[in-house]
């Protein structure tokens, strides 16, 4: 439906996905849904995600964020995400995104906007917000682990780019994808501590 409305890369609402899945399973007689209390779809979504896609903080992330905050840098997030994604901060780092240094006006989660990477919509929102603060795209360094979802759209809007290749499990080079065949990040990082070398304050 979103694609018919012109959204090239729509994002799902995982709560609605589970609602539809359970309704269909119940209709087919695979499961029997209790009438009361209602199924906790948020918990179901979170439990399933935690079991199928476990995540952990990268070594040195706390030190890296503390250093960036100390330098007074403006930090933001552009993420293909669901409602539970921001909760990873207190779960893994002991503090929410804002306490970790991420500006509340510069957090763009796909589920909130119905648009996902590699589409340009979230990057455009970030660029517009930054321009409102006098920060033009060439002064922004976007760090991501995916050549298609991160480096391509960020570079398209004029952000500087760094590919984080410090985790083999999450690294997405997309070598077979022609959309990134001619794309090269400006930097490749294998440790978060290397981020300091990319920044001049």
Protein backbone atom coordinates (compact mmCIF):
# COMPACT_ATOMS: atom_id res chain seq x y z
CA UNK A 1 0.00 0.00 0.00
CA UNK A 2 2.82 2.40 0.86
CA UNK A 3 4.60 1.66 -2.40
CA UNK A 4 1.41 2.48 -4.28
CA UNK A 5 1.52 5.85 -2.52
CA UNK A 6 5.01 6.48 -3.86
CA UNK A 7 7.10 5.39 -0.87
CA UNK A 8 9.97 3.45 -2.44
CA UNK A 9 11.24 1.91 0.80
CA UNK A 10 8.34 1.68 3.29
CA UNK A 11 8.80 0.48 6.86
CA UNK A 12 6.45 -1.87 8.64
CA UNK A 13 4.98 -1.43 12.09
CA UNK A 14 6.01 -4.68 13.77
CA UNK A 15 3.04 -4.53 16.15
CA UNK A 16 0.63 -4.56 13.23
CA UNK A 17 2.60 -7.36 11.56
CA UNK A 18 2.23 -9.55 14.64
CA UNK A 19 -1.43 -8.63 14.97
CA UNK A 20 -2.02 -9.84 11.39
CA UNK A 21 0.11 -12.96 11.84
CA UNK A 22 -1.72 -14.06 14.99
CA UNK A 23 -5.11 -13.36 13.45
CA UNK A 24 -4.23 -15.51 10.45
CA UNK A 25 -2.80 -18.31 12.61
CA UNK A 26 -5.97 -18.26 14.69
CA UNK A 27 -8.13 -18.30 11.56
CA UNK A 28 -6.23 -21.36 10.31
CA UNK A 29 -6.61 -23.07 13.69
CA UNK A 30 -2.87 -23.11 14.38
CA UNK A 31 -3.17 -21.12 17.61
CA UNK A 32 -6.01 -20.23 19.93
CA UNK A 33 -5.92 -16.65 21.05
CA UNK A 34 -7.19 -15.90 24.55
CA UNK A 35 -10.03 -13.42 24.54
CA UNK A 36 -8.92 -11.87 27.80
CA UNK A 37 -6.40 -10.63 28.60
CA UNK A 38 -5.36 -9.43 25.15
CA UNK A 39 -2.11 -10.75 23.76
CA UNK A 40 0.74 -8.37 24.65
CA UNK A 41 1.95 -7.65 21.12
CA UNK A 42 4.77 -5.38 22.28
CA UNK A 43 6.19 -8.10 24.50
CA UNK A 44 5.72 -10.73 21.80
CA UNK A 45 7.56 -8.53 19.29
CA UNK A 46 10.40 -7.87 21.71
CA UNK A 47 10.73 -11.49 22.84
CA UNK A 48 10.86 -12.73 19.25
CA UNK A 49 13.39 -10.08 18.21
CA UNK A 50 15.66 -10.77 21.19
CA UNK A 51 15.70 -14.49 20.39
CA UNK A 52 16.17 -14.27 16.62
CA UNK A 53 18.43 -11.21 16.37
CA UNK A 54 20.54 -10.87 19.52
CA UNK A 55 22.60 -7.68 19.73
CA UNK A 56 25.42 -6.43 21.90
CA UNK A 57 27.44 -3.22 22.25
CA UNK A 58 30.67 -2.88 20.30
CA UNK A 59 33.85 -2.77 22.38
CA UNK A 60 34.75 0.78 23.25
CA UNK A 61 31.33 2.28 22.49
CA UNK A 62 30.94 3.95 25.89
CA UNK A 63 34.37 5.52 25.68
CA UNK A 64 33.78 6.62 22.10
CA UNK A 65 30.46 8.31 22.92
CA UNK A 66 31.93 9.96 26.01
CA UNK A 67 34.78 11.39 23.93
CA UNK A 68 32.41 12.71 21.26
CA UNK A 69 30.24 14.35 23.94
CA UNK A 70 33.31 15.88 25.55
CA UNK A 71 34.27 17.40 22.20
CA UNK A 72 30.82 19.00 22.06
CA UNK A 73 29.84 17.27 18.85
CA UNK A 74 26.22 17.01 17.75
CA UNK A 75 25.23 13.33 17.53
CA UNK A 76 22.29 11.80 15.72
CA UNK A 77 20.84 8.46 14.63
CA UNK A 78 19.26 7.31 11.38
CA UNK A 79 18.09 3.73 11.88
CA UNK A 80 15.90 1.08 10.36
CA UNK A 81 14.19 0.37 13.63
CA UNK A 82 11.12 -0.64 15.61
CA UNK A 83 9.81 0.60 18.96
CA UNK A 84 12.28 -1.56 20.86
CA UNK A 85 15.40 -0.17 19.14
CA UNK A 86 15.82 2.92 21.38
CA UNK A 87 15.42 0.62 24.38
CA UNK A 88 18.72 -1.03 23.48
CA UNK A 89 20.52 1.99 24.91
CA UNK A 90 19.40 1.56 28.54
CA UNK A 91 19.51 -2.23 28.19
CA UNK A 92 23.09 -2.36 26.88
CA UNK A 93 24.64 0.95 27.92
CA UNK A 94 22.71 1.77 31.08
CA UNK A 95 21.32 5.06 29.76
CA UNK A 96 18.91 6.31 27.13
CA UNK A 97 20.00 7.76 23.77
CA UNK A 98 19.84 11.36 24.99
CA UNK A 99 22.00 10.62 28.05
CA UNK A 100 24.46 8.88 25.72
CA UNK A 101 24.72 12.13 23.78
CA UNK A 102 22.24 11.78 20.91
CA UNK A 103 20.23 14.91 20.25
CA UNK A 104 16.48 14.18 20.60
CA UNK A 105 15.75 16.17 17.41
CA UNK A 106 18.31 14.16 15.44
CA UNK A 107 16.98 10.65 16.06
CA UNK A 108 15.22 9.28 13.01
CA UNK A 109 13.76 5.79 13.44
CA UNK A 110 12.10 4.23 10.41
CA UNK A 111 9.07 2.86 12.26
CA UNK A 112 8.10 6.38 13.35
CA UNK A 113 8.00 7.69 9.79
CA UNK A 114 6.93 4.64 7.78
CA UNK A 115 10.05 5.01 5.64
CA UNK A 116 13.22 2.98 5.69
CA UNK A 117 16.78 3.05 4.46
CA UNK A 118 18.15 2.93 1.79
CA UNK A 119 15.49 5.48 0.88
CA UNK A 120 16.54 9.10 1.17
CA UNK A 121 13.61 10.27 3.33
CA UNK A 122 15.21 9.83 6.77
CA UNK A 123 18.51 11.25 5.55
CA UNK A 124 16.64 14.21 4.08
CA UNK A 125 14.91 14.86 7.41
CA UNK A 126 18.28 14.78 9.15
CA UNK A 127 19.87 17.09 6.57
CA UNK A 128 16.99 19.57 6.90
CA UNK A 129 17.20 19.59 10.70
CA UNK A 130 20.96 20.08 10.56
CA UNK A 131 20.66 22.89 8.01
CA UNK A 132 18.27 24.57 10.42
CA UNK A 133 21.17 24.66 12.85
CA UNK A 134 23.61 25.97 10.28
CA UNK A 135 25.28 22.63 9.60
CA UNK A 136 25.65 21.73 5.92
CA UNK A 137 26.00 18.09 4.70
CA UNK A 138 29.79 18.22 4.05
CA UNK A 139 30.28 18.96 7.75
CA UNK A 140 28.44 15.76 8.73
CA UNK A 141 30.12 12.37 9.09
CA UNK A 142 27.71 9.47 8.73
CA UNK A 143 28.96 6.15 10.10
CA UNK A 144 27.21 2.93 9.08
CA UNK A 145 27.83 -0.77 8.56
CA UNK A 146 25.89 -1.23 5.31
CA UNK A 147 27.05 -0.03 1.89
CA UNK A 148 23.50 0.06 0.51
CA UNK A 149 21.48 1.22 3.50
CA UNK A 150 24.04 3.65 4.90
CA UNK A 151 26.89 4.72 2.67
CA UNK A 152 24.92 5.12 -0.57
CA UNK A 153 22.07 7.36 0.71
CA UNK A 154 24.31 9.35 3.05
CA UNK A 155 26.76 10.06 0.24
CA UNK A 156 23.93 10.90 -2.14
CA UNK A 157 22.84 13.74 0.15
CA UNK A 158 26.39 15.01 0.51
CA UNK A 159 27.29 13.65 3.94
CA UNK A 160 30.84 12.45 4.52
CA UNK A 161 30.83 8.68 4.96
CA UNK A 162 32.63 6.07 7.04
CA UNK A 163 31.97 2.34 6.79
CA UNK A 164 32.19 0.55 10.11
CA UNK A 165 33.73 -2.86 9.36
CA UNK A 166 34.54 -3.84 12.93
CA UNK A 167 31.91 -6.58 13.22
CA UNK A 168 31.79 -9.34 10.59
CA UNK A 169 28.27 -10.36 11.62
CA UNK A 170 26.72 -6.98 10.88
CA UNK A 171 28.95 -5.77 8.03
CA UNK A 172 27.06 -5.52 4.73
CA UNK A 173 29.35 -4.91 1.76
CA UNK A 174 26.66 -5.79 -0.84
CA UNK A 175 29.31 -6.69 -3.41
CA UNK A 176 26.74 -8.21 -5.78
CA UNK A 177 24.46 -5.15 -5.72
CA UNK A 178 25.02 -2.90 -8.75
CA UNK A 179 23.64 0.10 -6.84
CA UNK A 180 26.83 0.28 -4.78
CA UNK A 181 29.30 -0.96 -7.41
CA UNK A 182 30.75 2.53 -7.88
CA UNK A 183 30.34 3.69 -4.27
CA UNK A 184 33.34 4.03 -1.96
CA UNK A 185 33.19 5.24 1.64
CA UNK A 186 35.64 7.98 2.52
CA UNK A 187 36.87 5.99 5.51
CA UNK A 188 36.73 2.37 6.65
CA UNK A 189 36.79 1.87 10.42
CA UNK A 190 37.61 -1.42 12.09
CA UNK A 191 37.46 -0.04 15.64
CA UNK A 192 35.33 2.70 17.13
CA UNK A 193 38.44 4.37 18.51
CA UNK A 194 39.45 5.16 14.91
CA UNK A 195 36.49 7.52 14.69
CA UNK A 196 38.52 10.15 16.53
CA UNK A 197 40.96 10.28 13.60
CA UNK A 198 38.13 11.36 11.26
CA UNK A 199 37.03 14.36 13.31
CA UNK A 200 38.55 17.80 13.50
CA UNK A 201 36.95 20.09 16.04
